[in-house]
Amino acid sequence: MKVGFMIDKGAYKPEKAYDTDAGFDIRTPEEFDLWPGESATIKTGVHVQIPRGYTGFLKSKSGLNVHYGITGDGVIDCGYTGEIAAKLYRHKFNQSGPCRFHAGDKISQLVLARLIRPCIGLTTRQTSAAKKYYDKQLEEQRKEHPQSKDSVLQQRALDKTLKYSERAHRQRAMTIAQKELAKAYNYGADESIRTAQNNFLVGKCIKRWNTSGDENVCGQCNDLDGKEVGMEETFYDGNKIVEDGMYPPLHPLCACAIQYI
């Protein structure tokens, strides 16, 4: 992901102290004091081009928050290319003097996050089931109310079908959320082990597939239970859920995990 910055004269380009940092440090181009109970709006002289599909968040620096009670958050949409202004608030601590900032001091951080839109629909199977449900409801309405207008009966059948579809929609959303959570958990576990190895905190590891051990374990996962492979090896051929087969989930309802030994 590439992030474009345009910097006004006298301003500082946002940078990450380390590649693994979540946010770009935002610095003040001017000197100012911030007293307890007061706020300040700092024009940073920074313009950012946020990639489409992402949103920018101005987040407080933990050091300023912990030591001086200074906070300040904001949201930057991907279409905004104007100058970033950071609004800082200083809460009243047991401190009476000002907190002095010099040009170049860090005052905030810019964190980018993917924008998730509510675009989850029904699967082809669920859509077909909803159509059959509608046809059945309409048939029953016509039998029970032969004297009613067909447009009225169609609307009744449609209302019931919408409620049916809403339940199916919620079920699919929960399934997707469960899959994404499992995917994020296993990805994070894998990355943490690799980071520890890169920093010589742990030695060579192998991966062991573990199922949840209950009656809901599917046949595919059960066949993988206890299988051991190297860190760069796969447990199974990649699929639409996990492209490389390095770790779970194997399917949307998979509750398996990896043990690193």
Protein backbone atom coordinates (compact mmCIF):
# COMPACT_ATOMS: atom_id res chain seq x y z
CA MET A 1 0.00 0.00 0.00
CA LYS A 2 1.45 3.34 -1.09
CA VAL A 3 0.62 6.54 0.78
CA GLY A 4 1.36 9.87 -0.88
CA PHE A 5 2.35 12.95 1.15
CA MET A 6 2.67 16.58 0.08
CA ILE A 7 4.51 18.76 2.56
CA ASP A 8 4.20 22.55 2.87
CA LYS A 9 7.31 24.65 3.40
CA GLY A 10 8.56 24.36 6.96
CA ALA A 11 6.51 21.23 7.71
CA TYR A 12 7.73 17.72 8.49
CA LYS A 13 7.02 14.61 6.44
CA PRO A 14 5.18 11.92 8.44
CA GLU A 15 7.42 8.91 9.03
CA LYS A 16 7.39 5.63 10.92
CA ALA A 17 10.14 5.11 13.46
CA TYR A 18 10.10 1.39 12.59
CA ASP A 19 8.63 -0.52 9.66
CA THR A 20 6.44 -2.49 12.07
CA ASP A 21 4.88 0.66 13.61
CA ALA A 22 1.15 1.11 13.08
CA GLY A 23 1.18 4.87 12.54
CA PHE A 24 3.09 7.67 10.83
CA ASP A 25 4.36 10.25 13.35
CA ILE A 26 2.89 13.73 12.84
CA ARG A 27 5.10 16.64 13.99
CA THR A 28 4.33 20.26 14.73
CA PRO A 29 5.97 22.86 12.45
CA GLU A 30 5.75 25.53 15.14
CA GLU A 31 6.37 26.09 18.83
CA PHE A 32 3.42 26.32 21.22
CA ASP A 33 2.37 25.82 24.84
CA LEU A 34 -0.56 23.73 26.00
CA TRP A 35 -1.88 24.38 29.51
CA PRO A 36 -4.01 22.00 31.61
CA GLY A 37 -7.70 22.30 30.70
CA GLU A 38 -6.97 23.95 27.33
CA SER A 39 -6.93 22.81 23.71
CA ALA A 40 -4.97 23.78 20.62
CA THR A 41 -5.46 23.25 16.89
CA ILE A 42 -2.15 22.76 15.09
CA LYS A 43 -1.91 23.12 11.33
CA THR A 44 0.69 20.52 10.43
CA GLY A 45 1.39 21.54 6.83
CA VAL A 46 0.87 17.92 5.79
CA HIS A 47 -1.39 16.74 2.96
CA VAL A 48 -2.02 13.04 2.45
CA GLN A 49 -3.41 10.99 -0.42
CA ILE A 50 -5.08 8.03 1.26
CA PRO A 51 -5.61 5.01 -1.05
CA ARG A 52 -9.16 4.28 -2.06
CA GLY A 53 -10.79 1.82 0.32
CA TYR A 54 -8.85 3.08 3.33
CA THR A 55 -9.51 5.67 6.04
CA GLY A 56 -7.00 7.70 8.05
CA PHE A 57 -7.21 8.08 11.82
CA LEU A 58 -5.34 10.67 13.83
CA LYS A 59 -4.55 8.97 17.13
CA SER A 60 -3.04 10.25 20.36
CA LYS A 61 0.61 9.59 21.18
CA SER A 62 0.63 7.29 24.20
CA GLY A 63 3.55 9.13 25.81
CA LEU A 64 1.76 12.50 25.68
CA ASN A 65 -1.40 10.88 27.01
CA VAL A 66 0.25 9.07 29.91
CA HIS A 67 2.63 11.81 31.06
CA TYR A 68 0.71 15.00 30.25
CA GLY A 69 -2.93 13.98 29.73
CA ILE A 70 -2.88 15.15 26.08
CA THR A 71 -5.27 13.46 23.69
CA GLY A 72 -6.65 14.20 20.26
CA ASP A 73 -8.32 11.97 17.66
CA GLY A 74 -9.74 12.59 14.21
CA VAL A 75 -10.84 10.88 10.99
CA ILE A 76 -9.52 11.62 7.48
CA ASP A 77 -11.51 10.31 4.52
CA CYS A 78 -9.68 9.07 1.44
CA GLY A 79 -11.05 11.92 -0.66
CA TYR A 80 -9.66 14.67 1.59
CA THR A 81 -6.36 16.16 0.40
CA GLY A 82 -6.36 19.40 2.38
CA GLU A 83 -3.96 20.28 5.18
CA ILE A 84 -4.13 18.02 8.23
CA ALA A 85 -4.97 19.91 11.42
CA ALA A 86 -4.46 18.14 14.75
CA LYS A 87 -6.75 19.15 17.61
CA LEU A 88 -5.08 18.49 20.98
CA TYR A 89 -6.79 18.51 24.37
CA ARG A 90 -4.93 18.60 27.67
CA HIS A 91 -6.88 17.17 30.57
CA LYS A 92 -6.41 18.56 34.05
CA PHE A 93 -3.83 16.55 35.96
CA ASN A 94 -2.00 17.53 39.12
CA GLN A 95 0.13 19.84 37.02
CA SER A 96 0.03 23.60 36.85
CA GLY A 97 2.58 24.53 34.20
CA PRO A 98 2.36 24.37 30.41
CA CYS A 99 3.58 21.54 28.21
CA ARG A 100 5.90 23.17 25.69
CA PHE A 101 6.25 21.86 22.16
CA HIS A 102 9.06 22.80 19.81
CA ALA A 103 9.07 22.59 16.03
CA GLY A 104 9.62 18.96 15.04
CA ASP A 105 8.08 17.46 18.18
CA LYS A 106 5.64 14.57 17.71
CA ILE A 107 2.05 15.56 18.47
CA SER A 108 -0.05 12.83 16.85
CA GLN A 109 0.12 9.78 14.60
CA LEU A 110 -1.67 8.84 11.39
CA VAL A 111 -2.99 5.27 11.27
CA LEU A 112 -4.52 3.83 8.11
CA ALA A 113 -7.21 1.16 8.21
CA ARG A 114 -9.15 -0.62 5.52
CA LEU A 115 -12.72 0.63 5.21
CA ILE A 116 -15.25 -2.18 5.57
CA ARG A 117 -18.56 -1.50 3.86
CA PRO A 118 -21.86 -3.27 4.62
CA CYS A 119 -21.96 -5.13 1.30
CA ILE A 120 -22.56 -8.68 2.49
CA GLY A 121 -25.24 -10.42 0.45
CA LEU A 122 -26.80 -13.87 0.37
CA THR A 123 -25.08 -16.81 -1.24
CA THR A 124 -26.49 -18.37 -4.41
CA ARG A 125 -27.90 -21.24 -2.34
CA GLN A 126 -29.51 -18.86 0.17
CA THR A 127 -31.00 -16.77 -2.64
CA SER A 128 -32.48 -19.87 -4.26
CA ALA A 129 -33.92 -20.93 -0.89
CA ALA A 130 -35.47 -17.48 -0.41
CA LYS A 131 -37.11 -17.70 -3.85
CA LYS A 132 -38.58 -21.12 -3.02
CA TYR A 133 -39.78 -19.77 0.34
CA TYR A 134 -41.52 -16.89 -1.44
CA ASP A 135 -43.23 -19.23 -3.92
CA LYS A 136 -44.44 -21.45 -1.10
CA GLN A 137 -45.74 -18.50 0.93
CA LEU A 138 -47.56 -17.08 -2.08
CA GLU A 139 -49.15 -20.47 -2.82
CA GLU A 140 -50.38 -20.76 0.77
CA GLN A 141 -51.74 -17.20 0.75
CA ARG A 142 -53.71 -17.90 -2.41
CA LYS A 143 -55.23 -21.02 -0.86
CA GLU A 144 -56.13 -19.31 2.41
CA HIS A 145 -57.42 -16.07 0.85
CA PRO A 146 -58.86 -16.90 -2.58
CA GLN A 147 -60.96 -13.71 -2.64
CA SER A 148 -58.07 -11.31 -1.97
CA LYS A 149 -56.29 -9.37 -4.66
CA ASP A 150 -53.20 -11.11 -5.92
CA SER A 151 -51.09 -7.96 -5.40
CA VAL A 152 -52.01 -8.02 -1.70
CA LEU A 153 -51.10 -11.70 -1.41
CA GLN A 154 -47.79 -11.08 -3.18
CA GLN A 155 -46.93 -8.33 -0.71
CA ARG A 156 -47.73 -10.59 2.26
CA ALA A 157 -45.53 -13.33 0.83
CA LEU A 158 -42.79 -10.79 0.16
CA ASP A 159 -42.93 -9.45 3.74
CA LYS A 160 -42.50 -12.95 5.14
CA THR A 161 -39.70 -13.68 2.69
CA LEU A 162 -37.85 -10.51 3.72
CA LYS A 163 -37.90 -11.65 7.35
CA TYR A 164 -36.68 -15.07 6.26
CA SER A 165 -33.89 -13.48 4.22
CA GLU A 166 -32.88 -11.20 7.10
CA ARG A 167 -32.30 -14.24 9.31
CA ALA A 168 -30.21 -15.86 6.59
CA HIS A 169 -28.29 -12.60 6.10
CA ARG A 170 -27.45 -12.37 9.80
CA GLN A 171 -26.33 -15.99 9.82
CA ARG A 172 -24.01 -15.40 6.86
CA ALA A 173 -22.60 -12.24 8.45
CA MET A 174 -21.80 -14.18 11.62
CA THR A 175 -20.16 -16.94 9.58
CA ILE A 176 -17.98 -14.41 7.74
CA ALA A 177 -17.06 -12.69 11.01
CA GLN A 178 -16.10 -16.02 12.59
CA LYS A 179 -13.97 -16.94 9.58
CA GLU A 180 -12.18 -13.57 9.54
CA LEU A 181 -11.55 -13.76 13.28
CA ALA A 182 -10.04 -17.24 12.96
CA LYS A 183 -7.96 -16.13 9.99
CA ALA A 184 -6.65 -13.05 11.85
CA TYR A 185 -5.89 -15.09 15.01
CA ASN A 186 -3.88 -17.72 13.17
CA TYR A 187 -2.10 -15.14 11.01
CA GLY A 188 -1.13 -13.17 14.12
CA ALA A 189 0.15 -16.29 15.88
CA ASP A 190 2.24 -17.22 12.85
CA GLU A 191 3.69 -13.71 12.51
CA SER A 192 4.53 -13.51 16.22
CA ILE A 193 6.55 -16.74 16.02
CA ARG A 194 8.39 -15.53 12.92
CA THR A 195 9.15 -12.18 14.58
CA ALA A 196 10.48 -13.96 17.66
CA GLN A 197 12.69 -16.13 15.45
CA ASN A 198 14.02 -13.08 13.60
CA ASN A 199 14.95 -11.57 16.97
CA PHE A 200 16.58 -14.83 18.14
CA LEU A 201 14.06 -15.23 20.96
CA VAL A 202 13.00 -18.73 19.87
CA GLY A 203 14.72 -21.35 17.81
CA LYS A 204 13.59 -23.55 14.96
CA CYS A 205 9.92 -24.56 15.15
CA ILE A 206 7.56 -26.93 13.47
CA LYS A 207 3.79 -26.53 13.18
CA ARG A 208 1.25 -29.04 14.48
CA TRP A 209 -2.42 -28.91 13.45
CA ASN A 210 -4.85 -29.13 16.38
CA THR A 211 -8.61 -29.48 16.13
CA SER A 212 -11.08 -28.32 18.76
CA GLY A 213 -11.61 -31.96 19.74
CA ASP A 214 -15.41 -31.84 19.88
CA GLU A 215 -18.17 -33.46 17.85
CA ASN A 216 -18.29 -30.51 15.43
CA VAL A 217 -14.90 -31.29 13.87
CA CYS A 218 -15.33 -32.03 10.17
CA GLY A 219 -13.71 -34.96 8.38
CA GLN A 220 -11.16 -32.78 6.59
CA CYS A 221 -9.93 -31.16 9.80
CA ASN A 222 -9.96 -34.49 11.62
CA ASP A 223 -7.63 -35.93 8.98
CA LEU A 224 -5.19 -33.07 9.63
CA ASP A 225 -5.29 -33.38 13.43
CA GLY A 226 -1.76 -33.89 14.76
CA LYS A 227 -0.09 -33.40 11.38
CA GLU A 228 3.31 -31.71 11.66
CA VAL A 229 5.06 -29.63 8.99
CA GLY A 230 7.87 -27.11 8.82
CA MET A 231 7.35 -23.36 9.16
CA GLU A 232 7.47 -22.86 5.40
CA GLU A 233 5.44 -25.96 4.54
CA THR A 234 1.69 -26.19 3.98
CA PHE A 235 -0.85 -28.49 5.58
CA TYR A 236 -3.08 -28.62 2.51
CA ASP A 237 -3.48 -27.11 -0.91
CA GLY A 238 -4.63 -23.48 -0.81
CA ASN A 239 -8.32 -22.70 -1.17
CA LYS A 240 -10.54 -19.62 -1.35
CA ILE A 241 -10.31 -19.06 2.42
CA VAL A 242 -6.59 -19.44 3.05
CA GLU A 243 -4.72 -19.12 -0.21
CA ASP A 244 -1.48 -20.79 0.85
CA GLY A 245 -2.67 -23.49 3.28
CA MET A 246 -0.13 -22.42 5.93
CA TYR A 247 -2.64 -22.40 8.81
CA PRO A 248 -6.40 -22.54 9.60
CA PRO A 249 -9.21 -21.91 8.87
CA LEU A 250 -9.79 -24.69 6.39
CA HIS A 251 -13.45 -23.68 5.98
CA PRO A 252 -15.72 -20.88 7.31
CA LEU A 253 -16.69 -22.67 10.55
CA CYS A 254 -13.22 -24.09 11.23
CA ALA A 255 -12.17 -23.85 14.90
CA CYS A 256 -8.72 -25.40 14.49
CA ALA A 257 -5.45 -23.81 15.60
CA ILE A 258 -1.71 -24.35 15.21
CA GLN A 259 0.68 -25.43 17.94
CA TYR A 260 4.27 -24.29 17.45
CA ILE A 261 6.76 -26.79 18.88
